[in-house]
Amino acid sequence: MPADYIQTIQRNPFPNPQTEREELLSILWGLKVLVPATWLLEVSELRDIVQWQIEKVREAPEFSKGHMTDEAKLAYREYNEWRNKRNS
């Protein structure tokens, strides 16, 4: 991966949010949550997602540490195996 891409991932995309949408996306970034196609969501929907994620982290602190479920680990492992077969 290019170094610029990795640095972009590590930095908050909205360090000084100007709108409520940017502020909500900044909160999600801080929680390490990726929501695809956020530009299609209404701000109220985005607000609900942020609230849900905050509650999820509060109830299960392991989620704030990048916790992956067994199902997600299995899916990731299967994807890597498929990718390696495709590239060989």
C-alpha atoms as a PDB file:
ATOM      1  CA  MET A   1       0.000   0.000   0.000  1.00  0.00           C
ATOM      2  CA  PRO A   2       1.299   3.460  -0.762  1.00  0.00           C
ATOM      3  CA  ALA A   3       2.501   5.383   2.276  1.00  0.00           C
ATOM      4  CA  ASP A   4       0.172   8.325   1.496  1.00  0.00           C
ATOM      5  CA  TYR A   5      -2.859   6.039   1.664  1.00  0.00           C
ATOM      6  CA  ILE A   6      -1.793   4.567   5.004  1.00  0.00           C
ATOM      7  CA  GLN A   7      -1.206   8.029   6.478  1.00  0.00           C
ATOM      8  CA  THR A   8      -4.636   9.156   5.284  1.00  0.00           C
ATOM      9  CA  ILE A   9      -6.263   6.228   7.075  1.00  0.00           C
ATOM     10  CA  GLN A  10      -4.423   7.061  10.293  1.00  0.00           C
ATOM     11  CA  ARG A  11      -5.496  10.729  10.316  1.00  0.00           C
ATOM     12  CA  ASN A  12      -8.965  11.955  11.126  1.00  0.00           C
ATOM     13  CA  PRO A  13     -10.501  13.088   7.813  1.00  0.00           C
ATOM     14  CA  PHE A  14     -12.313  15.950   9.593  1.00  0.00           C
ATOM     15  CA  PRO A  15      -9.983  17.339  12.288  1.00  0.00           C
ATOM     16  CA  ASN A  16     -11.971  20.621  12.368  1.00  0.00           C
ATOM     17  CA  PRO A  17     -15.537  19.707  11.439  1.00  0.00           C
ATOM     18  CA  GLN A  18     -17.471  22.539   9.798  1.00  0.00           C
ATOM     19  CA  THR A  19     -20.873  20.845   9.574  1.00  0.00           C
ATOM     20  CA  GLU A  20     -22.871  18.415  11.687  1.00  0.00           C
ATOM     21  CA  ARG A  21     -22.254  15.679   9.079  1.00  0.00           C
ATOM     22  CA  GLU A  22     -18.474  16.162   9.347  1.00  0.00           C
ATOM     23  CA  GLU A  23     -18.699  16.106  13.137  1.00  0.00           C
ATOM     24  CA  LEU A  24     -20.662  12.838  13.088  1.00  0.00           C
ATOM     25  CA  LEU A  25     -18.220  11.285  10.618  1.00  0.00           C
ATOM     26  CA  SER A  26     -15.350  12.394  12.846  1.00  0.00           C
ATOM     27  CA  ILE A  27     -16.991  10.664  15.821  1.00  0.00           C
ATOM     28  CA  LEU A  28     -17.406   7.463  13.789  1.00  0.00           C
ATOM     29  CA  TRP A  29     -13.763   7.678  12.736  1.00  0.00           C
ATOM     30  CA  GLY A  30     -12.778   8.006  16.408  1.00  0.00           C
ATOM     31  CA  LEU A  31     -14.804   4.885  17.193  1.00  0.00           C
ATOM     32  CA  LYS A  32     -13.073   3.090  14.282  1.00  0.00           C
ATOM     33  CA  VAL A  33     -16.379   2.533  12.481  1.00  0.00           C
ATOM     34  CA  LEU A  34     -16.691   2.575   8.713  1.00  0.00           C
ATOM     35  CA  VAL A  35     -20.112   3.287   7.241  1.00  0.00           C
ATOM     36  CA  PRO A  36     -20.181   2.911   3.452  1.00  0.00           C
ATOM     37  CA  ALA A  37     -21.894   5.569   1.309  1.00  0.00           C
ATOM     38  CA  THR A  38     -22.408   8.103   4.093  1.00  0.00           C
ATOM     39  CA  TRP A  39     -23.036  10.811   1.494  1.00  0.00           C
ATOM     40  CA  LEU A  40     -26.324   9.040   0.704  1.00  0.00           C
ATOM     41  CA  LEU A  41     -27.549   9.133   4.307  1.00  0.00           C
ATOM     42  CA  GLU A  42     -29.646  11.852   5.844  1.00  0.00           C
ATOM     43  CA  VAL A  43     -27.997  13.587   8.809  1.00  0.00           C
ATOM     44  CA  SER A  44     -30.706  12.173  11.086  1.00  0.00           C
ATOM     45  CA  GLU A  45     -29.830   8.621   9.951  1.00  0.00           C
ATOM     46  CA  LEU A  46     -26.153   9.316  10.498  1.00  0.00           C
ATOM     47  CA  ARG A  47     -26.963  10.685  13.953  1.00  0.00           C
ATOM     48  CA  ASP A  48     -28.813   7.438  14.779  1.00  0.00           C
ATOM     49  CA  ILE A  49     -25.866   5.338  13.613  1.00  0.00           C
ATOM     50  CA  VAL A  50     -23.433   7.362  15.756  1.00  0.00           C
ATOM     51  CA  GLN A  51     -25.697   7.011  18.807  1.00  0.00           C
ATOM     52  CA  TRP A  52     -26.035   3.259  18.219  1.00  0.00           C
ATOM     53  CA  GLN A  53     -22.265   2.830  17.903  1.00  0.00           C
ATOM     54  CA  ILE A  54     -21.598   4.861  21.056  1.00  0.00           C
ATOM     55  CA  GLU A  55     -24.063   2.680  22.987  1.00  0.00           C
ATOM     56  CA  LYS A  56     -22.484  -0.455  21.522  1.00  0.00           C
ATOM     57  CA  VAL A  57     -19.015   0.610  22.700  1.00  0.00           C
ATOM     58  CA  ARG A  58     -20.372   1.607  26.114  1.00  0.00           C
ATOM     59  CA  GLU A  59     -22.068  -1.779  26.594  1.00  0.00           C
ATOM     60  CA  ALA A  60     -19.220  -3.892  25.201  1.00  0.00           C
ATOM     61  CA  PRO A  61     -15.855  -2.145  25.617  1.00  0.00           C
ATOM     62  CA  GLU A  62     -14.081  -4.785  23.502  1.00  0.00           C
ATOM     63  CA  PHE A  63     -15.610  -3.129  20.424  1.00  0.00           C
ATOM     64  CA  SER A  64     -13.524  -0.017  21.061  1.00  0.00           C
ATOM     65  CA  LYS A  65     -10.403  -2.185  20.791  1.00  0.00           C
ATOM     66  CA  GLY A  66     -11.168  -3.396  17.275  1.00  0.00           C
ATOM     67  CA  HIS A  67     -12.916  -6.559  18.405  1.00  0.00           C
ATOM     68  CA  MET A  68     -13.759  -8.946  15.568  1.00  0.00           C
ATOM     69  CA  THR A  69     -16.418 -11.591  15.961  1.00  0.00           C
ATOM     70  CA  ASP A  70     -15.600 -15.211  15.118  1.00  0.00           C
ATOM     71  CA  GLU A  71     -17.871 -14.924  12.083  1.00  0.00           C
ATOM     72  CA  ALA A  72     -15.946 -11.882  10.829  1.00  0.00           C
ATOM     73  CA  LYS A  73     -12.603 -13.633  11.370  1.00  0.00           C
ATOM     74  CA  LEU A  74     -13.812 -16.658   9.401  1.00  0.00           C
ATOM     75  CA  ALA A  75     -15.084 -14.464   6.553  1.00  0.00           C
ATOM     76  CA  TYR A  76     -11.788 -12.562   6.459  1.00  0.00           C
ATOM     77  CA  ARG A  77      -9.816 -15.822   6.408  1.00  0.00           C
ATOM     78  CA  GLU A  78     -11.968 -17.189   3.566  1.00  0.00           C
ATOM     79  CA  TYR A  79     -11.538 -13.964   1.610  1.00  0.00           C
ATOM     80  CA  ASN A  80      -7.746 -14.113   1.990  1.00  0.00           C
ATOM     81  CA  GLU A  81      -7.700 -17.740   0.826  1.00  0.00           C
ATOM     82  CA  TRP A  82      -9.837 -16.837  -2.209  1.00  0.00           C
ATOM     83  CA  ARG A  83      -7.642 -13.842  -3.025  1.00  0.00           C
ATOM     84  CA  ASN A  84      -4.458 -15.904  -2.744  1.00  0.00           C
ATOM     85  CA  LYS A  85      -5.866 -18.614  -5.071  1.00  0.00           C
ATOM     86  CA  ARG A  86      -6.957 -15.964  -7.579  1.00  0.00           C
ATOM     87  CA  ASN A  87      -3.528 -14.306  -7.581  1.00  0.00           C
ATOM     88  CA  SER A  88      -1.548 -17.539  -7.986  1.00  0.00           C
END
